Amino acid sequence: MTVRCFELVAHGQVQGVGFRYGTMQIANRLNITGSVQNLPNRTVKIVAEGNDSKIDEFIHLVKAGPTPFAHVSKLQIKELPVNHYHLFMIK
């Protein structure tokens, strides 16, 4: 299986709504590694690494909003070099 790594920047109602915790739950369920963190401009940055099919599912679920209160209006996606993360963490 091919491992890929992406940086995602989520815009919208993504801070103060459990977005980071919900993202971590999805990542753990799909065996995705990397991190999630709030940025000062009210967006959330996610670095996600995992096998091809799981990464696609992860991106789809993040785009849909990982909690009922989150609303992603825009998701910027950029592919990164594979970094071999060992876990998924909230920064």
Foldseek 3Di string as FASTA:
>chain_A
DDKWKKKKKFDDQQPPQCQQVLLQVLCVVLVWAWEWEADPVRIIITITMDDDVSVVVSVVCVCPTSDPPTHGPDMDMDTDPDDPGDHYYYD
